[in-house]
Protein backbone atom coordinates (compact mmCIF):
# COMPACT_ATOMS: atom_id res chain seq x y z
CA MET A 1 -3.95 -15.60 -14.26
CA ARG A 2 -1.44 -13.18 -16.00
CA THR A 3 2.25 -13.46 -14.19
CA LEU A 4 4.41 -10.56 -13.09
CA LYS A 5 7.70 -10.17 -12.94
CA TYR A 6 9.16 -7.08 -10.31
CA ASN A 7 12.49 -5.71 -9.36
CA LEU A 8 13.07 -2.34 -7.81
CA SER A 9 16.55 -2.96 -5.72
CA ASN A 10 16.75 0.92 -5.38
CA SER A 11 13.10 1.70 -3.44
CA ARG A 12 14.52 2.93 -0.01
CA ASN A 13 16.40 5.96 -2.58
CA CYS A 14 12.63 7.18 -4.32
CA PHE A 15 13.08 10.21 -2.39
CA GLY A 16 16.45 11.63 -3.62
CA GLN A 17 14.82 10.71 -7.18
CA LEU A 18 13.00 13.74 -9.51
CA ARG A 19 9.09 13.33 -10.15
CA ILE A 20 9.30 12.55 -13.62
CA VAL A 21 11.00 9.56 -12.52
CA ALA A 22 8.47 8.97 -9.81
CA LEU A 23 6.26 8.85 -12.51
CA LEU A 24 8.28 6.26 -14.45
CA PHE A 25 7.86 4.20 -12.05
CA THR A 26 4.53 4.21 -11.06
CA PHE A 27 3.85 3.53 -14.86
CA LEU A 28 6.17 0.53 -14.76
CA SER A 29 4.41 -0.44 -12.00
CA PHE A 30 6.87 -0.07 -9.72
CA TRP A 31 6.35 0.67 -6.19
CA VAL A 32 6.09 4.20 -5.60
CA CYS A 33 7.50 5.57 -1.95
CA LYS A 34 4.63 6.91 -0.02
CA ASP A 35 4.65 8.90 3.13
CA LEU A 36 5.03 7.14 6.24
CA SER A 37 1.60 8.26 7.72
CA GLU A 38 -0.06 6.35 4.77
CA SER A 39 1.40 3.04 4.85
CA THR A 40 5.31 2.44 6.14
CA TYR A 41 5.84 -1.03 5.11
CA THR A 42 5.77 0.17 1.15
CA PHE A 43 9.75 1.64 2.14
CA ILE A 44 10.04 -2.04 1.81
CA ASN A 45 11.40 -3.61 -1.42
CA PRO A 46 8.70 -5.98 -1.87
CA GLU A 47 11.38 -8.55 -3.52
CA ASP A 48 12.40 -9.13 0.27
CA TYR A 49 9.09 -8.32 2.17
CA TYR A 50 6.25 -11.15 0.39
CA LYS A 51 7.30 -13.95 2.23
CA THR A 52 3.78 -14.90 4.59
CA GLU A 53 0.52 -14.87 3.80
CA ALA A 54 0.17 -11.72 6.57
CA ASP A 55 2.43 -9.96 4.34
CA LEU A 56 -0.06 -10.13 1.32
CA GLU A 57 -2.26 -8.77 3.24
CA ASN A 58 -0.59 -6.24 4.39
CA GLY A 59 0.02 -5.67 0.34
CA LEU A 60 -3.85 -6.07 -0.28
CA ASN A 61 -4.75 -3.53 2.98
CA SER A 62 -2.10 -0.88 0.67
CA VAL A 63 -4.84 -1.56 -2.05
CA TYR A 64 -8.00 -0.98 0.19
CA ALA A 65 -6.24 2.33 1.44
CA ASP A 66 -5.42 3.60 -1.69
CA PHE A 67 -8.46 2.31 -3.28
CA ARG A 68 -10.17 5.11 -0.80
CA THR A 69 -8.69 7.77 -1.75
CA PHE A 70 -8.70 7.63 -5.43
CA THR A 71 -12.32 6.70 -4.90
CA THR A 72 -13.18 9.41 -2.41
CA ASN A 73 -11.35 12.36 -3.98
CA TYR A 74 -13.41 15.30 -3.20
CA LYS A 75 -12.01 17.27 -6.39
CA THR A 76 -12.89 14.65 -8.74
CA LEU A 77 -16.22 14.54 -7.61
CA VAL A 78 -16.52 18.32 -7.51
CA ALA A 79 -15.36 18.08 -10.97
CA LEU A 80 -17.61 15.06 -12.17
CA GLU A 81 -20.94 17.04 -10.70
CA LEU A 82 -19.80 20.26 -12.64
CA LEU A 83 -19.41 18.81 -15.96
CA THR A 84 -22.96 17.77 -16.12
CA GLU A 85 -25.98 20.47 -16.18
CA HIS A 86 -27.27 18.95 -12.40
CA ALA A 87 -24.49 21.18 -10.68
CA MET A 88 -23.35 24.48 -10.04
CA PRO A 89 -20.13 26.30 -8.89
CA ALA A 90 -20.14 27.07 -4.87
CA HIS A 91 -17.34 29.03 -4.87
CA SER A 92 -15.59 32.26 -6.50
CA SER A 93 -12.01 30.56 -7.52
CA LYS A 94 -11.31 27.62 -5.55
CA ASP A 95 -10.36 24.31 -7.08
CA GLY A 96 -11.29 25.64 -10.56
CA VAL A 97 -15.01 25.48 -10.50
CA LYS A 98 -15.83 27.75 -13.06
CA ASN A 99 -13.81 26.14 -15.31
CA PHE A 100 -15.17 22.71 -14.69
CA ASN A 101 -19.33 24.84 -14.76
CA CYS A 102 -18.73 26.08 -18.28
CA TRP A 103 -16.21 23.58 -19.82
CA GLN A 104 -13.29 26.24 -20.40
CA GLY A 105 -9.86 24.77 -21.39
CA VAL A 106 -10.85 21.16 -21.37
CA ASN A 107 -7.67 20.39 -24.32
CA GLN A 108 -5.09 21.55 -21.97
CA SER A 109 -2.57 18.84 -20.52
CA THR A 110 -0.18 20.47 -18.65
CA THR A 111 -2.30 21.69 -15.97
CA TYR A 112 -5.03 18.90 -16.47
CA ASN A 113 -9.01 19.49 -15.43
CA ILE A 114 -9.52 15.70 -13.94
CA GLN A 115 -6.76 14.93 -11.80
CA ILE A 116 -6.82 10.95 -11.66
CA TRP A 117 -4.51 9.26 -14.17
CA ASP A 118 -1.32 9.16 -12.04
CA SER A 119 -3.20 8.07 -8.89
CA GLY A 120 -5.15 5.64 -10.79
CA TYR A 121 -1.79 4.40 -12.05
CA GLU A 122 -0.44 4.33 -8.35
CA LEU A 123 -3.64 2.14 -7.47
CA ILE A 124 -3.13 0.16 -10.37
CA ASN A 125 0.71 -0.22 -9.36
CA ARG A 126 -0.38 -1.37 -6.15
CA CYS A 127 -2.91 -3.96 -7.11
CA ASN A 128 -0.38 -5.36 -9.51
CA VAL A 129 2.33 -5.73 -6.50
CA VAL A 130 0.07 -7.94 -4.73
CA LEU A 131 -0.12 -10.21 -8.02
CA GLY A 132 2.96 -10.24 -8.89
CA ARG A 133 4.71 -11.45 -5.38
CA GLY A 134 2.00 -13.35 -4.30
CA ASP A 135 2.97 -16.67 -6.00
CA LYS A 136 5.90 -17.10 -4.12
CA VAL A 137 3.69 -16.58 -0.83
CA ASP A 138 3.04 -20.45 0.86
CA MET A 139 -0.41 -20.33 1.82
CA ASP A 140 -3.38 -22.06 1.16
CA GLU A 141 -4.71 -21.63 -2.80
CA LYS A 142 -7.99 -20.48 -1.82
CA LYS A 143 -6.96 -17.89 0.27
CA ARG A 144 -4.56 -16.75 -2.34
CA ASN A 145 -7.14 -16.56 -5.31
CA GLN A 146 -9.45 -14.26 -3.03
CA ILE A 147 -6.78 -12.31 -2.24
CA TYR A 148 -5.72 -11.91 -5.93
CA GLY A 149 -9.58 -11.60 -6.68
CA GLN A 150 -9.67 -7.97 -4.39
CA ALA A 151 -6.84 -7.05 -6.45
CA ARG A 152 -7.93 -7.91 -9.71
CA PHE A 153 -11.74 -6.54 -8.99
CA PHE A 154 -10.01 -2.83 -7.41
CA ARG A 155 -7.87 -3.00 -10.67
CA ALA A 156 -10.63 -3.89 -12.99
CA TYR A 157 -12.44 -0.44 -11.26
CA THR A 158 -9.72 1.67 -11.64
CA MET A 159 -9.43 1.12 -14.95
CA PHE A 160 -12.84 1.03 -15.94
CA VAL A 161 -12.65 4.76 -14.62
CA LEU A 162 -9.63 5.39 -16.37
CA LEU A 163 -11.02 4.17 -19.71
CA ARG A 164 -13.89 6.14 -19.52
CA LEU A 165 -12.20 9.63 -18.97
CA TYR A 166 -9.12 9.04 -21.18
CA GLY A 167 -9.92 6.14 -23.44
CA GLY A 168 -8.15 3.45 -24.00
CA LEU A 169 -4.91 2.57 -21.44
CA ALA A 170 -0.94 1.79 -21.46
CA ILE A 171 -1.27 -1.93 -19.36
CA PRO A 172 2.19 -2.89 -18.40
CA GLU A 173 1.86 -6.96 -19.42
CA SER A 174 5.51 -7.21 -16.85
CA TYR A 175 7.71 -5.63 -14.58
CA THR A 176 10.89 -5.06 -16.01
CA SER A 177 14.25 -4.88 -14.28
CA GLY A 178 15.76 -1.08 -13.48
CA LEU A 179 14.52 1.68 -16.34
CA ASN A 180 14.60 -1.12 -19.13
CA GLY A 181 11.32 -1.09 -21.19
CA LEU A 182 9.81 2.72 -20.64
CA ALA A 183 8.01 2.18 -23.85
CA ILE A 184 4.88 0.86 -23.06
CA PRO A 185 2.11 1.63 -25.79
CA ARG A 186 -1.32 2.41 -25.25
CA LYS A 187 -3.83 -0.47 -25.82
CA THR A 188 -7.16 0.09 -27.88
CA ALA A 189 -10.27 0.91 -25.96
CA SER A 190 -11.92 -2.54 -27.13
CA GLU A 191 -8.41 -4.02 -25.67
CA THR A 192 -8.71 -2.04 -22.41
CA TYR A 193 -12.23 -3.60 -22.46
CA ASP A 194 -11.20 -7.41 -22.52
CA TYR A 195 -8.49 -6.68 -20.04
CA ILE A 196 -10.91 -5.21 -17.93
CA VAL A 197 -13.82 -8.48 -18.60
CA GLU A 198 -11.31 -10.99 -18.08
CA ASP A 199 -10.30 -9.44 -14.41
CA LEU A 200 -13.79 -9.66 -13.56
CA LYS A 201 -14.62 -12.63 -14.95
CA TYR A 202 -11.54 -14.36 -12.23
CA CYS A 203 -13.10 -12.29 -9.55
CA ILE A 204 -16.46 -13.69 -10.37
CA ASN A 205 -15.08 -17.42 -10.11
CA ASN A 206 -12.84 -16.53 -6.99
CA LEU A 207 -14.65 -14.37 -4.74
CA PRO A 208 -17.06 -15.15 -1.89
CA THR A 209 -20.38 -13.62 -2.19
CA ARG A 210 -21.37 -10.73 0.41
CA SER A 211 -23.00 -13.43 3.04
CA GLN A 212 -19.87 -15.80 2.46
CA TRP A 213 -17.64 -12.46 3.60
CA GLY A 214 -20.36 -12.21 6.89
CA ASN A 215 -21.17 -9.21 8.77
CA GLY A 216 -17.28 -8.57 9.67
CA ALA A 217 -15.76 -8.10 6.31
CA LEU A 218 -18.69 -6.62 4.34
CA TYR A 219 -16.74 -3.94 2.93
CA LYS A 220 -14.89 -6.09 1.26
CA ALA A 221 -15.06 -6.80 -2.44
CA SER A 222 -17.39 -9.92 -3.40
CA LYS A 223 -18.44 -11.75 -5.82
CA GLY A 224 -21.96 -9.68 -6.30
CA ALA A 225 -19.65 -6.66 -6.68
CA ALA A 226 -18.05 -7.96 -9.63
CA GLN A 227 -21.10 -9.04 -11.80
CA ALA A 228 -22.69 -5.93 -11.03
CA LEU A 229 -19.32 -4.00 -11.91
CA LEU A 230 -19.19 -6.28 -15.21
CA GLY A 231 -22.94 -5.90 -15.63
CA ASP A 232 -22.15 -2.13 -16.04
CA VAL A 233 -18.71 -2.47 -18.33
CA TYR A 234 -20.72 -4.50 -20.81
CA LEU A 235 -23.66 -1.79 -20.74
CA THR A 236 -21.34 1.03 -21.02
CA ARG A 237 -19.43 -0.78 -24.03
CA GLY A 238 -22.39 -1.65 -25.78
CA CYS A 239 -23.41 2.12 -25.35
CA MET A 240 -19.97 3.14 -26.94
CA ASP A 241 -20.27 0.82 -29.39
CA ASN A 242 -23.14 1.97 -31.53
CA TYR A 243 -25.57 0.20 -28.89
CA ASN A 244 -23.81 -3.49 -29.71
CA THR A 245 -26.73 -5.23 -28.47
CA THR A 246 -24.37 -8.77 -28.18
CA TYR A 247 -22.67 -6.38 -25.08
CA PHE A 248 -26.21 -5.73 -23.98
CA GLN A 249 -27.20 -9.72 -23.63
CA GLU A 250 -23.63 -9.79 -21.53
CA ALA A 251 -25.14 -6.92 -19.89
CA LYS A 252 -28.26 -8.38 -18.86
CA LYS A 253 -26.75 -11.86 -17.71
CA TYR A 254 -24.27 -10.15 -15.37
CA LEU A 255 -26.73 -7.58 -13.64
CA GLY A 256 -29.46 -10.77 -13.88
CA ASP A 257 -27.09 -12.75 -11.66
CA VAL A 258 -26.83 -10.11 -8.78
CA ILE A 259 -30.48 -9.96 -8.56
CA SER A 260 -31.34 -13.34 -8.98
CA SER A 261 -28.72 -14.09 -6.16
CA GLY A 262 -30.55 -12.72 -3.12
CA GLU A 263 -27.50 -11.15 -1.67
CA TYR A 264 -28.89 -7.53 -1.75
CA GLU A 265 -32.12 -5.71 -1.60
CA LEU A 266 -33.51 -1.87 -1.82
CA LEU A 267 -34.03 -0.52 1.91
CA PRO A 268 -37.68 0.23 2.51
CA ASP A 269 -36.69 3.92 3.28
CA TYR A 270 -33.94 5.55 0.87
CA LYS A 271 -32.78 7.42 3.68
CA SER A 272 -32.05 4.89 5.75
CA MET A 273 -28.54 5.13 3.59
CA TRP A 274 -27.54 7.87 4.91
CA TYR A 275 -25.37 9.11 7.93
CA TRP A 276 -26.80 12.34 8.45
CA PHE A 277 -30.37 10.53 9.11
CA VAL A 278 -29.50 7.12 10.70
CA GLU A 279 -25.74 7.68 11.72
CA GLU A 280 -23.86 4.36 12.16
CA ALA A 281 -26.81 2.20 10.53
CA ALA A 282 -26.64 3.79 7.40
CA LYS A 283 -23.04 1.89 6.72
CA ASN A 284 -22.83 -1.17 4.65
CA THR A 285 -26.34 -2.11 4.16
CA LYS A 286 -27.56 -4.93 1.90
CA GLU A 287 -28.48 -2.28 -0.37
CA SER A 288 -24.62 -1.68 -0.72
CA LEU A 289 -22.73 -3.83 -2.90
CA LEU A 290 -19.39 -1.59 -2.47
CA GLU A 291 -18.69 1.10 0.14
CA ILE A 292 -15.96 2.87 0.54
CA GLN A 293 -15.17 3.03 4.91
CA PHE A 294 -14.83 5.96 7.29
CA GLY A 295 -14.86 6.17 10.31
CA ALA A 296 -13.44 8.36 13.29
CA THR A 297 -9.51 7.77 13.04
CA GLN A 298 -10.09 7.98 9.44
CA VAL A 299 -12.62 10.73 7.95
CA SER A 300 -14.03 12.02 4.75
CA ALA A 301 -13.58 15.69 3.44
CA LEU A 302 -16.76 14.96 1.44
CA HIS A 303 -19.34 17.17 4.22
CA CYS A 304 -16.74 19.81 4.01
CA TYR A 305 -16.39 20.56 0.21
CA PHE A 306 -20.08 19.61 -0.69
CA GLY A 307 -21.06 21.64 2.19
CA ILE A 308 -22.88 24.83 2.39
CA ASN A 309 -20.02 27.08 3.46
CA THR A 310 -20.77 27.50 7.42
CA LYS A 311 -20.09 26.24 10.59
CA ASP A 312 -22.51 25.13 13.39
CA GLU A 313 -22.73 22.79 15.20
CA SER A 314 -26.13 21.48 14.46
CA LEU A 315 -24.42 20.87 10.86
CA GLY A 316 -21.61 18.80 12.49
CA ALA A 317 -18.23 18.83 10.53
CA ASN A 318 -16.70 21.64 8.70
CA MET A 319 -18.03 22.84 5.60
CA TYR A 320 -16.83 24.95 2.32
CA ALA A 321 -18.50 24.41 -0.15
CA ARG A 322 -17.26 23.75 -3.74
CA ALA A 323 -20.50 22.40 -5.67
CA GLY A 324 -23.70 22.30 -5.03
CA ILE A 325 -26.83 21.48 -6.64
CA ALA A 326 -28.12 22.70 -9.78
CA HIS A 327 -31.76 24.81 -9.06
CA LYS A 328 -33.01 23.12 -11.68
CA SER A 329 -32.74 19.57 -10.78
CA TYR A 330 -33.34 20.56 -7.56
CA PHE A 331 -36.98 21.69 -8.22
CA SER A 332 -37.24 18.79 -10.60
CA PHE A 333 -38.32 16.57 -7.50
CA GLN A 334 -41.90 16.00 -6.57
CA ASP A 335 -42.57 17.44 -3.04
CA GLU A 336 -43.81 13.50 -2.47
CA ASP A 337 -40.39 12.24 -3.55
CA VAL A 338 -38.32 10.79 -0.42
CA ARG A 339 -35.20 11.99 -2.15
CA LYS A 340 -35.56 15.60 -1.80
CA GLN A 341 -35.19 15.20 1.65
CA CYS A 342 -31.06 14.46 1.13
CA PHE A 343 -31.10 18.26 0.21
CA LEU A 344 -30.70 20.70 3.16
CA THR A 345 -32.40 24.43 2.44
CA GLU A 346 -32.85 25.74 6.48
CA PHE A 347 -31.26 25.15 9.69
CA THR A 348 -31.15 27.13 12.99
CA ILE A 349 -28.04 28.37 13.89
CA ILE A 350 -27.59 26.30 17.71
CA GLY A 351 -28.45 28.50 20.78
CA THR A 352 -30.50 30.77 18.78
CA THR A 353 -33.58 31.18 16.77
CA THR A 354 -32.17 32.51 14.16
CA ARG A 355 -32.80 30.83 10.78
CA ARG A 356 -30.83 30.13 7.52
CA TYR A 357 -32.99 29.07 4.39
CA PHE A 358 -32.25 28.46 0.89
CA GLU A 359 -34.24 31.23 -1.32
CA ALA A 360 -33.73 30.24 -5.45
CA GLU A 361 -34.95 33.92 -6.62
CA TYR A 362 -31.39 34.79 -5.58
CA LYS A 363 -30.41 32.74 -8.39
CA GLY A 364 -26.96 31.55 -6.00
CA PHE A 365 -25.65 34.31 -4.76
CA SER A 366 -25.50 34.05 -0.65
CA GLY A 367 -26.12 35.89 2.17
CA LYS A 368 -29.42 37.79 0.74
CA GLY A 369 -32.34 38.05 1.28
CA ASP A 370 -34.78 37.12 4.74
CA GLY A 371 -32.84 33.50 4.75
CA LYS A 372 -29.29 34.60 4.06
CA TRP A 373 -28.70 31.24 2.83
CA THR A 374 -24.67 30.66 3.03
CA SER A 375 -24.58 28.70 -0.41
CA THR A 376 -25.67 28.90 -3.59
CA SER A 377 -28.02 25.92 -3.26
CA PRO A 378 -28.85 23.40 -1.01
CA GLY A 379 -26.41 20.78 0.66
CA CYS A 380 -26.10 17.32 -0.15
CA VAL A 381 -26.70 15.61 2.74
CA LYS A 382 -25.31 12.04 1.18
CA PHE A 383 -22.09 13.23 2.83
CA TYR A 384 -22.90 14.91 5.80
CA ASP A 385 -22.39 14.11 9.65
CA ARG A 386 -24.02 16.25 12.05
CA THR A 387 -23.07 14.50 15.56
CA LYS A 388 -21.32 16.40 17.85
CA SER A 389 -18.04 14.10 17.03
CA ALA A 390 -17.84 15.46 13.74
CA TYR A 391 -18.41 19.37 15.14
CA ASP A 392 -15.07 18.65 17.05
CA THR A 393 -12.93 17.22 15.06
CA GLY A 394 -14.23 18.78 11.19
CA GLY A 395 -13.93 15.73 9.77
CA SER A 396 -17.13 13.29 8.34
CA LYS A 397 -17.73 9.24 9.42
CA ALA A 398 -19.92 9.31 6.82
CA ASN A 399 -18.65 5.87 4.23
CA TYR A 400 -19.18 6.69 0.74
CA ILE A 401 -21.45 3.91 -1.47
CA ALA A 402 -19.74 3.56 -4.60
CA MET A 403 -21.91 0.84 -5.71
CA ARG A 404 -25.59 0.29 -4.79
CA TYR A 405 -28.52 -2.05 -5.77
CA SER A 406 -30.66 0.35 -7.29
CA ASP A 407 -27.87 0.70 -10.01
CA VAL A 408 -28.05 -2.61 -10.62
CA LEU A 409 -31.78 -2.58 -11.12
CA LEU A 410 -31.41 0.57 -13.16
CA ASN A 411 -29.09 -0.79 -15.39
CA TYR A 412 -31.10 -3.94 -15.92
CA ALA A 413 -34.00 -1.68 -16.57
CA GLU A 414 -32.12 -0.21 -19.44
CA VAL A 415 -30.39 -2.88 -21.20
CA GLU A 416 -33.72 -4.76 -21.21
CA ASN A 417 -35.06 -2.16 -23.01
CA TYR A 418 -32.21 -1.86 -25.32
CA LEU A 419 -32.94 -4.99 -26.09
CA ASN A 420 -36.83 -6.05 -26.01
CA GLY A 421 -38.80 -2.76 -25.37
CA PRO A 422 -40.36 -1.53 -22.10
CA THR A 423 -41.34 -5.01 -20.90
CA THR A 424 -43.02 -5.66 -18.06
CA ASP A 425 -39.36 -6.66 -16.78
CA ALA A 426 -37.97 -3.40 -17.62
CA TYR A 427 -41.06 -2.20 -15.57
CA SER A 428 -40.54 -4.15 -12.95
CA LYS A 429 -36.98 -3.37 -12.23
CA LEU A 430 -37.84 0.50 -12.55
CA GLU A 431 -40.52 0.83 -10.76
CA ALA A 432 -39.13 -0.85 -7.52
CA VAL A 433 -36.44 2.30 -7.52
CA HIS A 434 -38.93 4.63 -8.49
CA ASN A 435 -41.66 3.07 -5.92
CA ARG A 436 -39.40 2.94 -3.07
CA SER A 437 -39.36 6.95 -2.87
CA ASN A 438 -42.03 8.64 -4.58
CA SER A 439 -45.76 7.59 -4.54
CA LYS A 440 -46.67 8.98 -7.98
CA PRO A 441 -46.62 5.79 -10.34
CA ILE A 442 -44.76 5.60 -13.77
CA ALA A 443 -46.68 6.31 -16.51
CA ALA A 444 -48.01 3.01 -18.07
CA GLY A 445 -47.60 2.64 -22.28
CA LEU A 446 -44.45 4.53 -22.55
CA SER A 447 -42.59 3.98 -25.90
CA LYS A 448 -38.84 2.50 -26.21
CA GLU A 449 -37.55 5.77 -26.32
CA ALA A 450 -39.78 7.21 -23.32
CA PHE A 451 -39.27 4.31 -20.89
CA ASP A 452 -35.18 5.51 -21.83
CA ASP A 453 -35.80 8.93 -20.59
CA ALA A 454 -37.76 7.79 -17.90
CA ILE A 455 -34.44 5.55 -16.39
CA PHE A 456 -32.25 8.25 -16.85
CA GLN A 457 -34.83 10.65 -14.84
CA GLU A 458 -35.17 7.84 -12.08
CA ARG A 459 -31.03 8.03 -12.30
CA VAL A 460 -31.14 11.92 -11.55
CA TRP A 461 -32.87 11.90 -8.32
CA GLU A 462 -31.43 8.42 -7.17
CA PHE A 463 -27.84 9.65 -7.89
CA ILE A 464 -27.65 13.22 -7.72
CA GLY A 465 -24.84 14.46 -6.22
CA GLU A 466 -22.87 11.29 -6.14
CA GLY A 467 -20.36 11.17 -9.36
CA HIS A 468 -22.00 8.81 -11.47
CA LEU A 469 -24.14 11.23 -13.90
CA TYR A 470 -21.32 12.13 -16.23
CA TYR A 471 -20.83 8.56 -17.35
CA ASP A 472 -24.44 7.79 -17.74
CA GLU A 473 -24.80 10.72 -19.74
CA LEU A 474 -21.51 10.80 -21.72
CA ARG A 475 -22.37 7.22 -22.74
CA THR A 476 -26.22 7.58 -23.68
CA ASP A 477 -25.03 11.01 -25.49
CA ARG A 478 -27.00 13.08 -23.40
CA LEU A 479 -23.91 15.26 -21.61
CA GLY A 480 -23.68 17.80 -24.63
CA LYS A 481 -27.33 18.68 -25.36
CA ASN A 482 -28.58 18.98 -21.81
CA VAL A 483 -24.89 21.02 -20.97
CA TYR A 484 -25.60 23.45 -23.48
CA GLU A 485 -29.37 23.93 -22.38
CA TYR A 486 -29.02 24.32 -18.92
CA LYS A 487 -25.50 26.01 -19.03
CA MET A 488 -26.31 28.56 -21.21
CA TYR A 489 -29.70 29.52 -19.45
CA MET A 490 -27.83 29.75 -16.17
CA TYR A 491 -25.49 32.56 -17.42
CA GLU A 492 -27.74 34.09 -19.39
CA ASN A 493 -29.64 34.56 -16.49
CA GLY A 494 -26.95 35.54 -14.01
CA TYR A 495 -26.81 32.89 -11.77
CA TYR A 496 -23.96 32.84 -9.66
CA ASN A 497 -20.38 32.15 -11.25
CA CYS A 498 -22.06 30.56 -14.34
CA GLN A 499 -19.76 31.97 -16.82
CA LYS A 500 -20.77 31.21 -20.93
CA LEU A 501 -19.86 27.53 -21.72
CA GLN A 502 -17.14 27.58 -23.85
CA PHE A 503 -17.08 23.77 -25.22
CA VAL A 504 -19.90 21.02 -25.89
CA PRO A 505 -19.04 17.71 -25.37
CA GLN A 506 -19.44 15.01 -27.93
CA ARG A 507 -20.21 11.34 -26.70
CA THR A 508 -16.54 10.62 -28.37
CA PHE A 509 -14.65 13.23 -25.75
CA LEU A 510 -11.64 12.26 -24.04
CA TRP A 511 -9.51 13.71 -21.35
CA LYS A 512 -6.09 14.49 -21.75
CA ILE A 513 -3.55 12.62 -20.30
CA PRO A 514 -0.77 14.44 -18.46
CA GLN A 515 2.04 16.18 -20.20
CA THR A 516 4.26 14.70 -17.39
CA SER A 517 3.49 10.99 -18.33
CA LEU A 518 3.54 11.63 -21.87
CA ASP A 519 7.40 12.71 -21.32
CA SER A 520 7.66 9.55 -19.23
CA ASN A 521 6.62 7.19 -21.87
CA PRO A 522 8.00 7.89 -25.46
CA ALA A 523 5.45 5.15 -27.11
CA LEU A 524 2.24 6.96 -25.16
CA VAL A 525 0.25 8.50 -27.83
CA GLN A 526 -1.78 11.75 -26.88
CA ASN A 527 -5.90 12.11 -27.07
CA PRO A 528 -6.89 14.16 -30.16
CA GLU A 529 -8.07 17.33 -29.90
CA ASN A 530 -11.53 17.31 -28.77
CA VAL A 531 -14.28 19.52 -31.07
CA SER A 532 -16.69 20.73 -29.34
CA ASP A 533 -20.41 19.16 -30.77
CA PRO A 534 -21.27 21.29 -33.93
CA ARG A 535 -24.74 20.37 -32.83
CA TYR A 536 -25.10 23.18 -30.59
CA PRO A 537 -23.33 26.69 -31.66
CA LEU A 538 -21.54 28.79 -28.99
CA ASP A 539 -21.76 32.36 -31.37
């Protein structure tokens, strides 16, 4: 593995540093001091602290905790949904929802839109500390490699997120002493992909499978999760490299390994994955490859910010509203599709006979008509916890599923279609996902292009509201066309808070790196100005 040297003798004094210095430390993979409520051990110099296996495990626990924060940041998920045609703003001013919806100000770097660069590098830094300090710990080598495998998995996952948003990353290859070596240039996208691939291959060789971890550790990064993520990495890389079949072959291999392992399966009922329907039985099922854990003492805010802007005991935790499903996407579900039941369209105020129900003709303006619906659109129950305890505490115990088996099957069908067309193999994977929830069969004899469209439509029905579709649309060059057509339609037809579209993204779109990070690292080059897709004129 890559070895790292680490030195941060002044970690206890970081509260007196300016923010820019803290960012310098983060970018160099120094340890950033955190609030006491998050992790008290991070105040200790890792040179002095990492002495025993328990110390290294504590460091890894910090990685898991930070990964939860990074992955379930409601602002990021809200933005990723609103940037597609599948969501609409559910508030007039909070969290920039109107700007995201109309793609306004996407070339700015001072108040950058996707606020995930710094938190991503902080998480990468936590992984690097575990990797850099573990060699000195006296422990079983297999156990050490498992700890390294988990740290490298989360580093790879985080880098893959940042790579798709910002392009090639600055990757510190070693720790420095003091403030030396601040000039860390960005790697190319290809070099960054190679780095991610190397991490994930290490994970595959050293992590236990789901069943080897056992019931008490199903939350841990596993060999299957690494294989699935590597398949996704190769699929994305192939799409972004002019549909490179070499990468597609690699994607098919690793996705196929997950499928043939027998470790995962589709649940018979789609609703069984969601806390709203089955409560604790929804957690860490055999369909889940990677799941962010929440519970009574660590609650999720996603219920609140993807809520319907009301509070009622029948709905559980507090509900604000930032984004909701676009009406067109909701009505794209056929009535017999079980997945449509994951969207809340009515409820009865507890202790009364008063019903509130969604009426699409009011175009997202709440409180109108007989139904007096409290938000712009149906609510996404994938994040909801309607228990009495959630109502009392205000927070949801529902887990967030970051990776699941249906995505593996759809990725496999997609890459098989790229390589060989809509074969029986490709059809079987798509039909497994589709037929689980929808009794209307997929048409036989589709062309390669029509089959690709069918896969993408299935993705929409399967993953809408979960923060994944932005990446799928961008790599397949669907995002610009779809955003242009539906955002313009919503604006022209007077939907609530849907302003005129300001920008149409091309497949090469990259978000700007925060100016503070540019100031910290003189070798860091900003992304070029994005140009609106000329195929879709805005005037």
